[in-house]
């Protein structure tokens, strides 16, 4: 049952990421595109809100999404919208996708019981996605 829940959450997250990916082909899918001058560094960008897709997946919307756009995407996958960032506790990694020409990023956060290996594999399926594992807590 847990494996099925994780798979469904991964599919929902993939739908969220596909919704923002432009239709043209992207080069360098393994690396985040070079800054366009529009997008601030990730650590300075504002979290517009988050979508709790499942116990193991939460998506932070970072940047200046059009009014209601991020919340509408969350509703589309039957997630729970919050005007606050995803939790930090038990996070195994983050899959980042940045819209070219905007300051918008979608940060799909994976949580335990999902493993880093599974989260990384799911991230690689997305166009222009970059995975970053969380530092182990000490």
Protein backbone atom coordinates (compact mmCIF):
# COMPACT_ATOMS: atom_id res chain seq x y z
CA UNK A 1 0.00 0.00 0.00
CA UNK A 2 2.86 2.41 0.85
CA UNK A 3 4.53 1.72 -2.51
CA UNK A 4 1.25 2.50 -4.32
CA UNK A 5 0.80 5.75 -2.36
CA UNK A 6 4.37 6.82 -3.18
CA UNK A 7 3.82 6.02 -6.86
CA UNK A 8 0.57 8.00 -6.98
CA UNK A 9 2.23 10.95 -5.25
CA UNK A 10 5.11 10.82 -7.73
CA UNK A 11 2.68 10.83 -10.65
CA UNK A 12 0.84 13.81 -9.19
CA UNK A 13 4.13 15.67 -8.73
CA UNK A 14 5.09 14.83 -12.31
CA UNK A 15 1.78 16.32 -13.47
CA UNK A 16 2.54 19.51 -11.57
CA UNK A 17 5.97 19.75 -13.13
CA UNK A 18 4.69 18.98 -16.62
CA UNK A 19 2.12 21.75 -16.28
CA UNK A 20 4.88 24.37 -16.04
CA UNK A 21 7.31 22.90 -18.56
CA UNK A 22 7.11 24.80 -21.85
CA UNK A 23 6.54 22.67 -24.92
CA UNK A 24 9.88 23.33 -26.61
CA UNK A 25 12.87 21.00 -26.25
CA UNK A 26 15.43 21.82 -23.55
CA UNK A 27 19.17 21.23 -23.73
CA UNK A 28 21.14 20.26 -20.64
CA UNK A 29 18.34 18.57 -18.71
CA UNK A 30 20.80 17.53 -16.01
CA UNK A 31 21.76 21.11 -15.16
CA UNK A 32 19.63 24.09 -14.24
CA UNK A 33 19.60 26.60 -17.10
CA UNK A 34 21.94 29.56 -16.78
CA UNK A 35 20.36 32.52 -14.99
CA UNK A 36 18.41 34.72 -17.38
CA UNK A 37 18.78 37.89 -15.33
CA UNK A 38 15.09 37.63 -14.39
CA UNK A 39 15.33 34.99 -11.72
CA UNK A 40 16.82 35.82 -8.30
CA UNK A 41 19.01 33.24 -6.56
CA UNK A 42 16.86 30.49 -5.05
CA UNK A 43 17.70 31.41 -1.46
CA UNK A 44 16.36 34.96 -2.08
CA UNK A 45 13.19 34.03 -3.97
CA UNK A 46 9.81 34.24 -2.24
CA UNK A 47 7.68 31.14 -1.63
CA UNK A 48 4.24 31.94 -3.10
CA UNK A 49 2.72 28.90 -1.38
CA UNK A 50 2.86 25.13 -1.25
CA UNK A 51 0.81 22.12 -2.29
CA UNK A 52 0.75 19.02 -0.09
CA UNK A 53 0.20 16.25 -2.64
CA UNK A 54 0.65 13.34 -0.24
CA UNK A 55 2.43 12.37 2.95
CA UNK A 56 5.63 11.95 0.90
CA UNK A 57 5.37 14.88 -1.58
CA UNK A 58 4.94 18.63 -1.17
CA UNK A 59 5.57 21.26 -3.86
CA UNK A 60 6.80 24.77 -3.04
CA UNK A 61 5.92 27.42 -5.63
CA UNK A 62 8.69 29.99 -5.62
CA UNK A 63 8.59 33.32 -7.42
CA UNK A 64 5.76 35.51 -8.66
CA UNK A 65 3.21 33.09 -10.08
CA UNK A 66 0.18 34.77 -11.68
CA UNK A 67 -2.68 35.29 -9.26
CA UNK A 68 -4.21 31.92 -8.40
CA UNK A 69 -2.03 30.01 -10.90
CA UNK A 70 -0.10 27.96 -8.34
CA UNK A 71 -3.20 27.33 -6.24
CA UNK A 72 -5.10 26.21 -9.34
CA UNK A 73 -2.35 23.74 -10.22
CA UNK A 74 -2.57 22.34 -6.70
CA UNK A 75 -6.33 21.90 -6.92
CA UNK A 76 -5.93 20.14 -10.29
CA UNK A 77 -3.95 17.31 -8.63
CA UNK A 78 -6.26 17.31 -5.59
CA UNK A 79 -3.55 18.63 -3.29
CA UNK A 80 -3.94 20.80 -0.20
CA UNK A 81 -2.90 24.44 -0.76
CA UNK A 82 -1.13 26.48 1.94
CA UNK A 83 0.23 30.00 1.85
CA UNK A 84 3.37 28.75 3.64
CA UNK A 85 6.40 26.68 2.58
CA UNK A 86 6.59 22.89 2.77
CA UNK A 87 7.96 21.38 5.97
CA UNK A 88 11.70 20.81 6.40
CA UNK A 89 11.50 17.81 8.77
CA UNK A 90 12.09 14.34 7.26
CA UNK A 91 12.83 15.79 3.80
CA UNK A 92 15.05 13.52 1.69
CA UNK A 93 15.53 15.84 -1.27
CA UNK A 94 14.23 18.50 -3.64
CA UNK A 95 13.60 18.41 -7.39
CA UNK A 96 13.89 21.94 -8.84
CA UNK A 97 12.40 23.11 -12.13
CA UNK A 98 12.69 26.75 -13.20
CA UNK A 99 10.58 28.44 -15.84
CA UNK A 100 12.78 30.15 -18.41
CA UNK A 101 12.16 33.87 -18.68
CA UNK A 102 10.40 34.16 -15.30
CA UNK A 103 11.39 34.07 -11.67
CA UNK A 104 9.16 31.04 -11.05
CA UNK A 105 10.45 27.73 -9.69
CA UNK A 106 8.64 24.60 -8.60
CA UNK A 107 10.42 22.75 -5.82
CA UNK A 108 9.05 19.22 -5.40
CA UNK A 109 10.02 18.12 -1.90
CA UNK A 110 10.22 14.39 -1.16
CA UNK A 111 9.82 13.06 2.37
CA UNK A 112 10.37 9.78 4.18
CA UNK A 113 9.40 6.98 3.65
CA UNK A 114 10.50 7.86 0.07
CA UNK A 115 14.20 7.17 -0.37
CA UNK A 116 16.68 9.58 -1.89
CA UNK A 117 17.27 7.09 -4.72
CA UNK A 118 13.56 6.99 -5.61
CA UNK A 119 13.18 10.78 -5.37
CA UNK A 120 16.24 11.30 -7.60
CA UNK A 121 14.91 8.82 -10.19
CA UNK A 122 11.51 10.56 -10.29
CA UNK A 123 13.20 13.94 -10.69
CA UNK A 124 15.27 12.75 -13.65
CA UNK A 125 12.03 12.04 -15.54
CA UNK A 126 11.19 15.77 -15.58
CA UNK A 127 12.45 18.16 -18.28
CA UNK A 128 15.20 20.50 -17.03
CA UNK A 129 14.98 19.19 -13.46
CA UNK A 130 17.81 19.29 -10.94
CA UNK A 131 17.79 17.10 -7.82
CA UNK A 132 19.42 18.11 -4.56
CA UNK A 133 19.61 15.67 -1.66
CA UNK A 134 19.11 16.99 1.86
CA UNK A 135 22.06 16.99 4.19
CA UNK A 136 21.73 14.23 6.79
CA UNK A 137 20.71 15.63 10.16
CA UNK A 138 23.30 15.35 12.89
